[in-house]
N, C-alpha and C. Protein backbone atom coordinates (compact mmCIF):
# COMPACT_ATOMS: atom_id res chain seq x y z
N MET A 1 -6.66 84.60 11.50
CA MET A 1 -7.38 83.62 11.78
C MET A 1 -7.30 83.81 13.67
N HIS A 2 -8.44 83.33 14.00
CA HIS A 2 -8.24 83.36 15.73
C HIS A 2 -7.64 82.23 16.32
N CYS A 3 -6.76 82.38 17.09
CA CYS A 3 -6.09 81.30 17.64
C CYS A 3 -6.06 81.34 19.03
N SER A 4 -6.26 80.18 20.09
CA SER A 4 -6.40 80.26 21.48
C SER A 4 -5.94 78.86 21.94
N ILE A 5 -5.83 79.02 23.11
CA ILE A 5 -5.46 77.68 23.92
C ILE A 5 -6.19 77.48 25.00
N PHE A 6 -6.47 76.29 25.30
CA PHE A 6 -7.26 75.36 26.32
C PHE A 6 -6.11 74.50 26.81
N ILE A 7 -5.84 74.58 28.11
CA ILE A 7 -4.83 73.38 28.43
C ILE A 7 -4.96 73.58 30.21
N ALA A 8 -4.47 72.57 30.49
CA ALA A 8 -4.71 72.32 32.15
C ALA A 8 -3.20 72.20 32.94
N PRO A 9 -2.91 73.25 33.18
CA PRO A 9 -1.30 73.18 33.96
C PRO A 9 -1.91 73.08 35.24
N SER A 10 -1.04 72.53 36.23
CA SER A 10 -1.06 72.60 37.77
C SER A 10 -0.95 73.94 37.88
N VAL A 11 -1.21 74.17 39.52
CA VAL A 11 -1.38 75.69 39.70
C VAL A 11 -0.07 76.08 39.84
N ASN A 12 0.77 75.37 40.01
CA ASN A 12 2.40 76.37 39.72
C ASN A 12 2.74 76.46 38.19
N GLY A 13 2.12 76.23 37.40
CA GLY A 13 2.42 76.54 36.03
C GLY A 13 2.88 75.03 35.01
N PHE A 14 2.77 73.92 35.65
CA PHE A 14 3.67 72.97 35.07
C PHE A 14 2.53 72.09 34.25
N ILE A 15 2.90 71.55 33.01
CA ILE A 15 1.96 70.94 32.27
C ILE A 15 2.30 69.47 32.02
N ALA A 16 3.42 69.09 32.62
CA ALA A 16 3.82 67.89 32.77
C ALA A 16 4.90 67.65 33.37
N THR A 17 5.24 66.29 34.12
CA THR A 17 6.49 66.11 35.03
C THR A 17 7.56 66.16 34.02
N GLN A 18 8.89 66.04 34.74
CA GLN A 18 10.35 66.34 33.97
C GLN A 18 10.16 65.36 32.67
N ASP A 19 9.86 64.18 33.10
CA ASP A 19 9.81 63.21 31.86
C ASP A 19 8.78 63.05 31.02
N GLY A 20 7.90 64.13 31.20
CA GLY A 20 6.92 64.33 30.32
C GLY A 20 5.40 63.78 30.59
N GLY A 21 5.31 63.04 32.06
CA GLY A 21 4.40 62.53 32.19
C GLY A 21 3.16 63.26 32.71
N VAL A 22 1.89 62.92 32.51
CA VAL A 22 0.74 63.61 32.82
C VAL A 22 -0.09 62.80 33.69
N ASP A 23 0.16 61.76 34.35
CA ASP A 23 -0.57 61.09 35.28
C ASP A 23 -1.15 61.62 36.29
N TRP A 24 -0.45 62.74 36.78
CA TRP A 24 -1.07 63.67 37.92
C TRP A 24 -2.35 64.19 37.37
N LEU A 25 -2.74 64.52 36.04
CA LEU A 25 -4.13 64.74 35.84
C LEU A 25 -5.08 63.71 36.26
N GLU A 26 -4.67 62.27 36.11
CA GLU A 26 -5.75 61.25 36.38
C GLU A 26 -5.94 61.57 38.06
N ILE A 27 -4.87 61.73 38.59
CA ILE A 27 -4.94 61.58 40.30
C ILE A 27 -5.69 62.78 40.69
N VAL A 28 -5.39 63.93 40.34
CA VAL A 28 -6.36 64.85 40.53
C VAL A 28 -7.68 64.90 39.81
N GLY A 29 -8.02 64.30 38.85
CA GLY A 29 -9.35 64.36 38.18
C GLY A 29 -10.14 63.10 38.34
N ALA A 30 -9.33 62.38 39.39
CA ALA A 30 -10.22 61.07 39.66
C ALA A 30 -11.62 61.35 40.39
N SER A 31 -11.48 62.09 41.17
CA SER A 31 -13.04 62.42 41.73
C SER A 31 -13.94 62.82 41.19
N VAL A 32 -13.70 63.48 39.56
CA VAL A 32 -14.74 63.75 38.98
C VAL A 32 -16.08 62.92 38.67
N SER A 33 -15.50 61.61 38.33
CA SER A 33 -16.56 60.64 38.02
C SER A 33 -17.51 60.54 39.05
N LYS A 34 -17.04 60.59 40.30
CA LYS A 34 -18.35 60.62 41.27
C LYS A 34 -18.75 61.94 41.41
N ILE A 35 -18.51 63.27 40.97
CA ILE A 35 -19.28 64.32 40.79
C ILE A 35 -20.17 64.70 39.75
N ASP A 36 -19.51 64.15 38.56
CA ASP A 36 -19.88 64.54 37.42
C ASP A 36 -19.85 63.42 36.40
N GLU A 37 -21.06 62.40 35.96
CA GLU A 37 -21.08 61.36 35.09
C GLU A 37 -20.73 61.80 33.85
N LYS A 38 -20.77 62.96 33.21
CA LYS A 38 -20.59 63.44 32.14
C LYS A 38 -18.81 63.72 31.72
N SER A 39 -18.22 63.90 32.63
CA SER A 39 -16.69 64.14 32.50
C SER A 39 -16.16 62.72 32.36
N GLU A 40 -14.97 62.91 31.14
CA GLU A 40 -14.24 61.65 30.75
C GLU A 40 -12.85 62.14 30.40
N LEU A 41 -11.99 61.14 30.51
CA LEU A 41 -10.72 61.20 30.35
C LEU A 41 -9.76 62.09 30.81
N MET A 42 -9.57 61.39 32.09
CA MET A 42 -8.56 62.32 33.07
C MET A 42 -9.35 63.38 33.84
N GLY A 43 -10.64 63.40 33.81
CA GLY A 43 -11.36 64.33 34.58
C GLY A 43 -11.19 65.59 33.86
N TYR A 44 -10.72 66.00 33.09
CA TYR A 44 -10.39 67.48 32.34
C TYR A 44 -11.12 67.57 31.19
N PHE A 45 -11.50 66.71 30.53
CA PHE A 45 -12.41 67.36 29.14
C PHE A 45 -13.70 67.17 29.53
N ASN A 46 -14.17 68.21 30.37
CA ASN A 46 -15.54 68.41 30.89
C ASN A 46 -16.04 69.35 29.88
N ASP A 47 -17.52 69.56 30.26
CA ASP A 47 -18.16 70.19 29.24
C ASP A 47 -17.53 71.18 28.44
N SER A 48 -16.90 72.14 29.44
CA SER A 48 -16.18 73.22 29.08
C SER A 48 -15.59 73.11 27.84
N PHE A 49 -14.43 71.99 27.92
CA PHE A 49 -13.94 71.44 26.84
C PHE A 49 -14.50 71.21 25.69
N LYS A 50 -15.32 70.31 25.76
CA LYS A 50 -16.44 69.78 24.68
C LYS A 50 -16.94 71.13 24.07
N ASN A 51 -17.41 71.91 24.66
CA ASN A 51 -18.02 73.52 23.91
C ASN A 51 -16.81 74.08 23.31
N TYR A 52 -15.51 74.01 23.90
CA TYR A 52 -14.53 74.66 23.50
C TYR A 52 -14.20 73.94 22.08
N ILE A 53 -13.75 72.87 22.22
CA ILE A 53 -13.53 71.82 20.92
C ILE A 53 -14.65 72.10 19.76
N LYS A 54 -15.92 72.40 19.95
CA LYS A 54 -16.87 72.50 19.09
C LYS A 54 -16.67 73.82 18.25
N SER A 55 -16.10 74.70 19.11
CA SER A 55 -15.76 76.12 18.41
C SER A 55 -14.56 76.22 17.58
N VAL A 56 -13.73 75.36 17.41
CA VAL A 56 -12.52 75.31 16.64
C VAL A 56 -13.06 74.41 15.42
N ASP A 57 -12.11 74.90 14.46
CA ASP A 57 -12.20 74.12 13.25
C ASP A 57 -10.64 73.25 12.70
N CYS A 58 -9.73 73.85 13.53
CA CYS A 58 -8.37 73.39 13.28
C CYS A 58 -7.44 73.35 14.64
N MET A 59 -6.39 72.52 14.78
CA MET A 59 -5.80 72.37 16.03
C MET A 59 -4.16 72.41 15.43
N ILE A 60 -3.45 73.01 15.86
CA ILE A 60 -2.15 73.20 15.76
C ILE A 60 -1.36 72.91 16.96
N MET A 61 -0.47 71.58 17.04
CA MET A 61 0.30 71.32 18.31
C MET A 61 1.59 70.85 18.05
N GLY A 62 2.55 71.00 19.14
CA GLY A 62 3.78 70.43 18.98
C GLY A 62 3.94 69.03 19.05
N ARG A 63 5.23 68.65 18.33
CA ARG A 63 5.48 67.08 18.28
C ARG A 63 5.66 66.51 19.72
N LYS A 64 5.96 66.89 20.65
CA LYS A 64 5.91 66.08 21.91
C LYS A 64 4.44 66.04 22.13
N LEU A 65 3.46 66.59 22.30
CA LEU A 65 2.00 66.67 22.39
C LEU A 65 1.49 65.48 21.59
N MET A 66 1.95 65.29 20.30
CA MET A 66 1.61 64.20 19.43
C MET A 66 1.99 62.66 20.04
N GLU A 67 3.33 62.79 20.39
CA GLU A 67 4.06 61.54 21.19
C GLU A 67 3.07 61.21 22.35
N VAL A 68 2.60 62.26 23.35
CA VAL A 68 1.87 61.95 24.33
C VAL A 68 0.79 61.30 23.99
N LEU A 69 -0.20 61.63 22.97
CA LEU A 69 -1.34 61.36 22.67
C LEU A 69 -1.14 59.84 21.76
N SER A 70 -0.20 59.68 21.14
CA SER A 70 0.04 58.53 20.68
C SER A 70 0.37 57.42 21.49
N SER A 71 0.96 57.78 22.80
CA SER A 71 0.87 56.76 23.96
C SER A 71 -0.15 56.42 24.66
N PHE A 72 -1.30 57.16 24.57
CA PHE A 72 -2.49 56.99 25.14
C PHE A 72 -3.21 55.53 24.51
N ASP A 73 -2.79 55.69 22.99
CA ASP A 73 -3.29 54.85 22.32
C ASP A 73 -5.04 54.63 22.46
N LEU A 74 -5.52 55.74 22.08
CA LEU A 74 -6.91 55.85 22.42
C LEU A 74 -7.77 55.43 21.26
N SER A 75 -9.12 54.87 21.46
CA SER A 75 -9.98 54.22 20.66
C SER A 75 -10.50 55.42 20.01
N PRO A 76 -11.20 55.35 18.46
CA PRO A 76 -11.76 56.34 17.97
C PRO A 76 -12.93 57.10 19.10
N GLU A 77 -13.77 56.06 19.74
CA GLU A 77 -14.63 56.75 20.85
C GLU A 77 -14.02 57.63 21.62
N GLN A 78 -12.96 57.47 22.13
CA GLN A 78 -11.98 57.96 23.36
C GLN A 78 -11.52 59.48 22.46
N TRP A 79 -11.23 59.84 21.42
CA TRP A 79 -10.58 60.55 20.60
C TRP A 79 -11.16 62.12 21.14
N PRO A 80 -10.63 63.01 21.65
CA PRO A 80 -11.11 64.09 22.11
C PRO A 80 -11.39 65.07 21.18
N TYR A 81 -10.55 65.17 19.88
CA TYR A 81 -10.86 66.05 18.87
C TYR A 81 -11.56 65.82 17.67
N PRO A 82 -13.06 65.04 17.53
CA PRO A 82 -13.72 64.90 16.34
C PRO A 82 -13.85 65.94 15.37
N ASN A 83 -13.81 65.79 14.35
CA ASN A 83 -14.01 66.66 12.92
C ASN A 83 -13.16 67.77 13.13
N THR A 84 -11.79 67.61 13.65
CA THR A 84 -11.02 68.55 13.58
C THR A 84 -9.71 68.54 12.76
N LYS A 85 -9.41 69.51 11.91
CA LYS A 85 -8.25 69.09 11.33
C LYS A 85 -7.07 69.43 12.08
N ILE A 86 -5.87 68.37 12.17
CA ILE A 86 -4.85 68.65 13.24
C ILE A 86 -3.54 68.68 12.49
N ILE A 87 -2.95 69.64 12.72
CA ILE A 87 -1.49 69.89 12.12
C ILE A 87 -0.22 69.80 13.21
N VAL A 88 0.41 68.90 13.05
CA VAL A 88 1.64 68.79 14.24
C VAL A 88 2.84 69.53 13.64
N LEU A 89 3.48 70.24 14.51
CA LEU A 89 4.53 71.10 14.02
C LEU A 89 5.75 70.45 14.30
N SER A 90 6.58 69.92 13.26
CA SER A 90 8.06 69.16 13.87
C SER A 90 8.98 69.43 12.34
N ASN A 91 10.27 69.59 13.18
CA ASN A 91 11.37 69.57 12.17
C ASN A 91 12.02 68.57 12.18
N THR A 92 11.58 67.33 12.90
CA THR A 92 12.67 66.49 12.87
C THR A 92 11.61 64.97 12.76
N VAL A 93 10.57 64.85 13.05
CA VAL A 93 9.77 63.80 12.80
C VAL A 93 8.89 64.16 11.40
N LYS A 94 8.88 63.20 10.52
CA LYS A 94 8.20 63.50 9.21
C LYS A 94 7.24 62.65 9.05
N GLU A 95 6.82 61.88 10.03
CA GLU A 95 5.26 60.87 9.94
C GLU A 95 4.69 60.81 11.03
N VAL A 96 3.51 60.87 10.98
CA VAL A 96 2.64 60.80 12.21
C VAL A 96 2.64 59.27 12.54
N PRO A 97 2.80 58.85 13.98
CA PRO A 97 2.89 57.47 14.37
C PRO A 97 1.34 56.60 13.84
N LYS A 98 1.87 55.53 13.52
CA LYS A 98 0.53 54.89 13.00
C LYS A 98 -0.94 54.81 13.77
N ASN A 99 -0.85 54.84 15.04
CA ASN A 99 -2.13 54.87 15.57
C ASN A 99 -2.78 56.52 15.59
N LEU A 100 -2.03 57.42 15.06
CA LEU A 100 -2.58 58.71 14.71
C LEU A 100 -2.76 59.01 13.23
N SER A 101 -2.57 58.26 12.45
CA SER A 101 -2.20 58.65 11.25
C SER A 101 -3.70 59.13 10.55
N ASN A 102 -4.87 58.62 11.17
CA ASN A 102 -6.03 58.84 10.39
C ASN A 102 -6.52 60.48 11.11
N TYR A 103 -5.83 61.05 12.16
CA TYR A 103 -6.09 62.20 12.82
C TYR A 103 -5.25 63.44 12.34
N MET A 104 -4.16 63.45 11.92
CA MET A 104 -3.18 64.42 11.91
C MET A 104 -2.04 64.45 10.63
N GLU A 105 -1.44 65.44 10.47
CA GLU A 105 -0.61 65.53 9.31
C GLU A 105 0.59 66.29 10.05
N ILE A 106 1.90 66.35 9.54
CA ILE A 106 3.14 67.00 10.12
C ILE A 106 3.00 68.18 9.04
N TYR A 107 3.96 69.19 9.96
CA TYR A 107 4.11 70.64 9.04
C TYR A 107 5.25 71.03 9.51
N SER A 108 6.35 71.33 8.49
CA SER A 108 7.70 71.84 8.97
C SER A 108 7.64 73.31 8.05
N GLY A 109 7.90 74.50 8.66
CA GLY A 109 8.11 75.53 7.99
C GLY A 109 7.53 76.86 8.72
N SER A 110 7.42 77.83 8.39
CA SER A 110 7.18 79.00 8.75
C SER A 110 5.59 79.02 9.31
N ILE A 111 5.31 79.35 10.74
CA ILE A 111 4.22 79.36 11.29
C ILE A 111 3.17 80.42 10.63
N PRO A 112 3.72 81.84 10.22
CA PRO A 112 2.67 82.71 9.69
C PRO A 112 2.28 82.02 8.53
N THR A 113 3.23 81.41 7.58
CA THR A 113 2.71 80.50 6.26
C THR A 113 1.53 79.79 6.53
N LEU A 114 1.89 78.84 7.35
CA LEU A 114 0.82 77.89 7.81
C LEU A 114 -0.36 78.63 8.28
N ILE A 115 -0.35 79.47 8.80
CA ILE A 115 -2.03 80.23 9.06
C ILE A 115 -2.38 80.79 7.83
N LYS A 116 -1.63 81.27 7.11
CA LYS A 116 -2.14 82.12 5.93
C LYS A 116 -2.82 80.79 4.94
N LYS A 117 -1.99 79.64 4.97
CA LYS A 117 -2.49 78.59 4.00
C LYS A 117 -3.94 77.93 4.80
N LEU A 118 -3.77 77.92 5.90
CA LEU A 118 -5.16 77.19 6.91
C LEU A 118 -6.40 78.45 6.56
N GLU A 119 -5.98 79.60 6.46
CA GLU A 119 -7.03 80.73 6.02
C GLU A 119 -7.53 80.59 4.75
N THR A 120 -6.81 80.31 3.99
CA THR A 120 -7.06 80.14 2.28
C THR A 120 -7.85 79.02 2.44
N GLN A 121 -7.70 77.86 3.11
CA GLN A 121 -8.44 76.77 2.96
C GLN A 121 -9.94 76.81 3.78
N GLY A 122 -10.24 77.96 4.37
CA GLY A 122 -11.31 78.30 4.85
C GLY A 122 -11.71 78.02 6.51
N TYR A 123 -10.10 77.59 7.07
CA TYR A 123 -10.40 77.61 8.40
C TYR A 123 -10.17 78.92 9.37
N LYS A 124 -10.89 79.15 10.44
CA LYS A 124 -11.18 80.42 11.11
C LYS A 124 -10.90 80.30 12.36
N LYS A 125 -10.93 79.07 13.17
CA LYS A 125 -10.43 79.23 14.53
C LYS A 125 -9.55 78.09 14.93
N ALA A 126 -8.38 78.40 15.24
CA ALA A 126 -7.27 77.13 15.69
C ALA A 126 -7.02 77.37 16.98
N TYR A 127 -7.01 75.96 17.56
CA TYR A 127 -6.73 75.64 18.88
C TYR A 127 -5.18 75.36 18.86
N ILE A 128 -4.76 75.92 19.75
CA ILE A 128 -2.96 75.78 19.69
C ILE A 128 -2.77 74.92 21.12
N ASP A 129 -1.79 74.09 20.89
CA ASP A 129 -1.50 73.17 22.22
C ASP A 129 -0.18 72.53 21.97
N GLY A 130 0.32 72.56 23.52
CA GLY A 130 1.60 72.08 23.40
C GLY A 130 2.57 73.14 24.06
N GLY A 131 3.49 73.00 24.90
CA GLY A 131 4.01 74.21 25.70
C GLY A 131 5.02 75.10 24.83
N VAL A 132 5.86 74.60 24.06
CA VAL A 132 6.81 75.08 22.97
C VAL A 132 5.81 75.68 22.08
N THR A 133 5.06 75.26 21.42
CA THR A 133 4.00 75.77 20.50
C THR A 133 3.42 76.87 20.81
N ILE A 134 2.92 76.92 22.13
CA ILE A 134 1.77 77.70 22.79
C ILE A 134 3.00 79.11 22.93
N THR A 135 4.03 78.88 23.58
CA THR A 135 4.98 79.99 23.69
C THR A 135 5.63 80.55 22.25
N THR A 136 5.75 79.88 21.19
CA THR A 136 6.33 80.35 20.09
C THR A 136 5.03 81.17 19.42
N PHE A 137 3.98 80.67 19.58
CA PHE A 137 2.46 81.40 19.14
C PHE A 137 2.43 82.76 19.93
N ILE A 138 2.70 82.85 21.20
CA ILE A 138 2.65 84.08 21.64
C ILE A 138 3.87 84.94 21.44
N ASN A 139 4.80 84.51 21.22
CA ASN A 139 6.05 85.36 20.72
C ASN A 139 5.76 86.12 19.58
N LEU A 140 4.92 85.41 18.49
CA LEU A 140 4.56 85.78 17.22
C LEU A 140 3.72 86.76 17.31
N GLY A 141 2.82 86.92 18.34
CA GLY A 141 1.74 87.67 18.55
C GLY A 141 0.29 87.07 18.17
N LEU A 142 0.27 85.78 18.00
CA LEU A 142 -0.84 85.03 17.33
C LEU A 142 -1.98 84.45 18.21
N ILE A 143 -1.68 84.63 19.51
CA ILE A 143 -2.65 83.95 20.34
C ILE A 143 -3.72 85.10 20.71
N ASN A 144 -4.89 85.13 20.49
CA ASN A 144 -6.11 86.09 21.06
C ASN A 144 -6.61 85.72 22.17
N GLU A 145 -6.88 84.42 22.59
CA GLU A 145 -7.50 84.24 23.98
C GLU A 145 -6.75 82.82 24.61
N MET A 146 -6.97 83.12 25.70
CA MET A 146 -6.37 81.48 26.58
C MET A 146 -7.40 81.08 27.52
N THR A 147 -7.64 79.76 27.80
CA THR A 147 -8.31 79.07 28.78
C THR A 147 -7.41 78.40 29.42
N LEU A 148 -6.85 78.53 30.78
CA LEU A 148 -6.36 77.81 31.60
C LEU A 148 -7.17 77.13 32.92
N THR A 149 -7.04 75.78 32.76
CA THR A 149 -7.96 75.11 33.85
C THR A 149 -6.86 74.68 34.54
N LEU A 150 -6.87 75.31 35.61
CA LEU A 150 -6.03 74.90 37.07
C LEU A 150 -6.14 73.54 37.53
N ALA A 151 -5.22 72.44 37.47
CA ALA A 151 -5.24 71.40 38.15
C ALA A 151 -5.05 71.21 39.64
N PRO A 152 -5.76 71.32 40.47
CA PRO A 152 -5.36 71.36 41.88
C PRO A 152 -4.52 70.47 42.46
N ILE A 153 -2.98 70.77 41.94
CA ILE A 153 -2.05 70.28 42.27
C ILE A 153 -0.75 70.79 42.25
N LEU A 154 0.31 70.98 43.25
CA LEU A 154 1.49 71.57 43.02
C LEU A 154 2.57 70.47 42.53
N LEU A 155 3.42 70.64 41.54
CA LEU A 155 4.02 69.60 40.85
C LEU A 155 5.62 69.93 41.58
N GLY A 156 6.48 69.20 42.10
CA GLY A 156 7.68 69.79 42.25
C GLY A 156 8.50 70.44 41.39
N LYS A 157 8.62 69.59 40.17
CA LYS A 157 9.23 70.02 38.96
C LYS A 157 8.42 69.59 37.84
N GLY A 158 9.00 70.01 36.86
CA GLY A 158 8.20 69.69 35.63
C GLY A 158 8.66 70.61 34.15
N ILE A 159 7.73 70.43 33.13
CA ILE A 159 7.95 71.20 32.01
C ILE A 159 6.78 72.41 32.25
N ALA A 160 7.36 73.53 32.13
CA ALA A 160 6.51 74.68 32.32
C ALA A 160 5.65 74.92 31.10
N LEU A 161 4.45 75.29 31.57
CA LEU A 161 3.33 75.91 30.31
C LEU A 161 4.05 77.05 29.53
N PHE A 162 4.39 78.08 29.90
CA PHE A 162 5.52 78.94 29.24
C PHE A 162 6.96 79.06 29.21
N GLY A 163 7.52 79.30 28.04
CA GLY A 163 8.75 79.24 27.85
C GLY A 163 8.98 80.98 28.04
N ASP A 164 9.91 81.41 27.53
CA ASP A 164 10.42 82.80 27.51
C ASP A 164 9.62 83.61 26.65
N ILE A 165 8.78 84.45 27.25
CA ILE A 165 8.07 85.39 26.36
C ILE A 165 9.11 86.75 26.22
N PHE A 166 9.10 86.97 24.99
CA PHE A 166 10.03 87.96 24.43
C PHE A 166 9.23 89.43 24.98
N ASN A 167 8.14 89.62 24.74
CA ASN A 167 7.62 90.81 25.35
C ASN A 167 6.25 90.80 26.34
N GLU A 168 6.08 91.84 26.78
CA GLU A 168 5.04 91.71 27.84
C GLU A 168 3.51 91.34 27.12
N VAL A 169 2.71 90.52 27.89
CA VAL A 169 1.49 90.50 27.22
C VAL A 169 0.22 90.80 28.17
N LYS A 170 -0.51 91.92 27.93
CA LYS A 170 -1.47 92.00 29.21
C LYS A 170 -2.65 91.08 28.95
N LEU A 171 -3.23 90.61 30.21
CA LEU A 171 -4.30 89.61 29.81
C LEU A 171 -5.48 90.42 30.50
N GLU A 172 -6.60 90.36 29.74
CA GLU A 172 -7.74 91.32 29.75
C GLU A 172 -8.77 90.24 29.69
N ASN A 173 -10.11 90.79 30.13
CA ASN A 173 -11.50 90.47 30.08
C ASN A 173 -11.44 88.99 30.63
N ALA A 174 -10.97 88.92 32.04
CA ALA A 174 -11.23 87.81 32.79
C ALA A 174 -12.31 87.37 32.98
N GLN A 175 -12.40 85.85 33.03
CA GLN A 175 -13.56 84.98 33.30
C GLN A 175 -13.04 84.06 34.20
N VAL A 176 -14.03 83.60 35.42
CA VAL A 176 -13.43 82.64 36.27
C VAL A 176 -14.73 81.39 36.46
N LYS A 177 -14.06 80.04 36.51
CA LYS A 177 -15.29 79.35 36.43
C LYS A 177 -14.36 78.39 37.31
N VAL A 178 -15.42 77.80 38.47
CA VAL A 178 -15.02 76.63 39.48
C VAL A 178 -15.80 75.40 39.39
N PHE A 179 -14.79 74.60 39.18
CA PHE A 179 -15.57 73.31 39.14
C PHE A 179 -15.82 72.38 40.82
N PRO A 180 -16.63 71.69 40.73
CA PRO A 180 -16.63 70.82 41.87
C PRO A 180 -15.60 69.97 42.28
N ASN A 181 -14.65 69.82 41.29
CA ASN A 181 -13.64 68.91 41.43
C ASN A 181 -12.54 69.78 41.78
N ASN A 182 -12.44 70.99 42.16
CA ASN A 182 -11.60 71.97 42.51
C ASN A 182 -10.40 72.35 41.52
N PHE A 183 -10.91 71.94 40.27
CA PHE A 183 -10.59 72.65 39.10
C PHE A 183 -11.11 74.15 38.87
N VAL A 184 -10.27 75.08 38.50
CA VAL A 184 -10.52 76.52 38.24
C VAL A 184 -10.35 76.82 36.83
N GLU A 185 -11.07 77.42 36.30
CA GLU A 185 -10.56 77.68 34.49
C GLU A 185 -10.75 79.26 34.57
N LEU A 186 -9.65 79.85 33.95
CA LEU A 186 -9.50 80.99 34.01
C LEU A 186 -9.58 81.50 32.49
N LYS A 187 -10.19 82.55 32.04
CA LYS A 187 -10.10 82.61 30.79
C LYS A 187 -9.83 84.45 30.36
N TYR A 188 -9.02 84.39 29.42
CA TYR A 188 -8.33 85.77 29.28
C TYR A 188 -8.31 86.15 27.60
N THR A 189 -8.50 87.65 27.26
CA THR A 189 -7.95 87.86 26.12
C THR A 189 -6.62 88.27 26.23
N LEU A 190 -5.96 88.37 25.15
CA LEU A 190 -4.37 88.85 25.32
C LEU A 190 -4.45 90.14 24.57
N LYS A 191 -3.50 91.02 25.02
CA LYS A 191 -3.33 92.21 24.28
C LYS A 191 -1.68 92.44 24.27
N TYR A 192 -1.23 92.24 23.11
CA TYR A 192 0.27 92.51 23.03
C TYR A 192 0.80 93.81 23.07
N LEU A 193 1.57 94.11 24.13
CA LEU A 193 2.23 95.64 24.48
C LEU A 193 3.36 95.82 23.54
């Protein structure tokens, strides 16, 4: 299965504040609505994200990301992952919050087993999201490519995008796109050394 990342960290590599907040994305993305009327949801889910989400058929995320999404209490019209099977990895939470119950399911167990199960069900491209989940997939050698949309902000402290990476990973085939709102999209394929 092809596994990829599409995420917006701060320029210094944080995906949330220390308390898990992502309000800073709204602050730096606020100018987007003046520049690009098609942009929506914190100025981050631009045409690149929409095209990306159309290219995947399933999503695997961590419990903390599920909790953040639940706190947004999005309407069906605002839901950013239409027609995408979503699996939430958790060894502690057994049920999806009520406001997300139509969108996702919980999985507890081996990630390679999950990948094989999804492949057997016909899924081919997985979107991997959530800091711990991304690091785990990289350490298992499962991420094929990543798109980092750097948000134009430096956070003093926060939750880092990457945890401890066990082995070196070379980033290849770089592509760069600059948006009018000062976000910079970096795309790489990963080569495990």
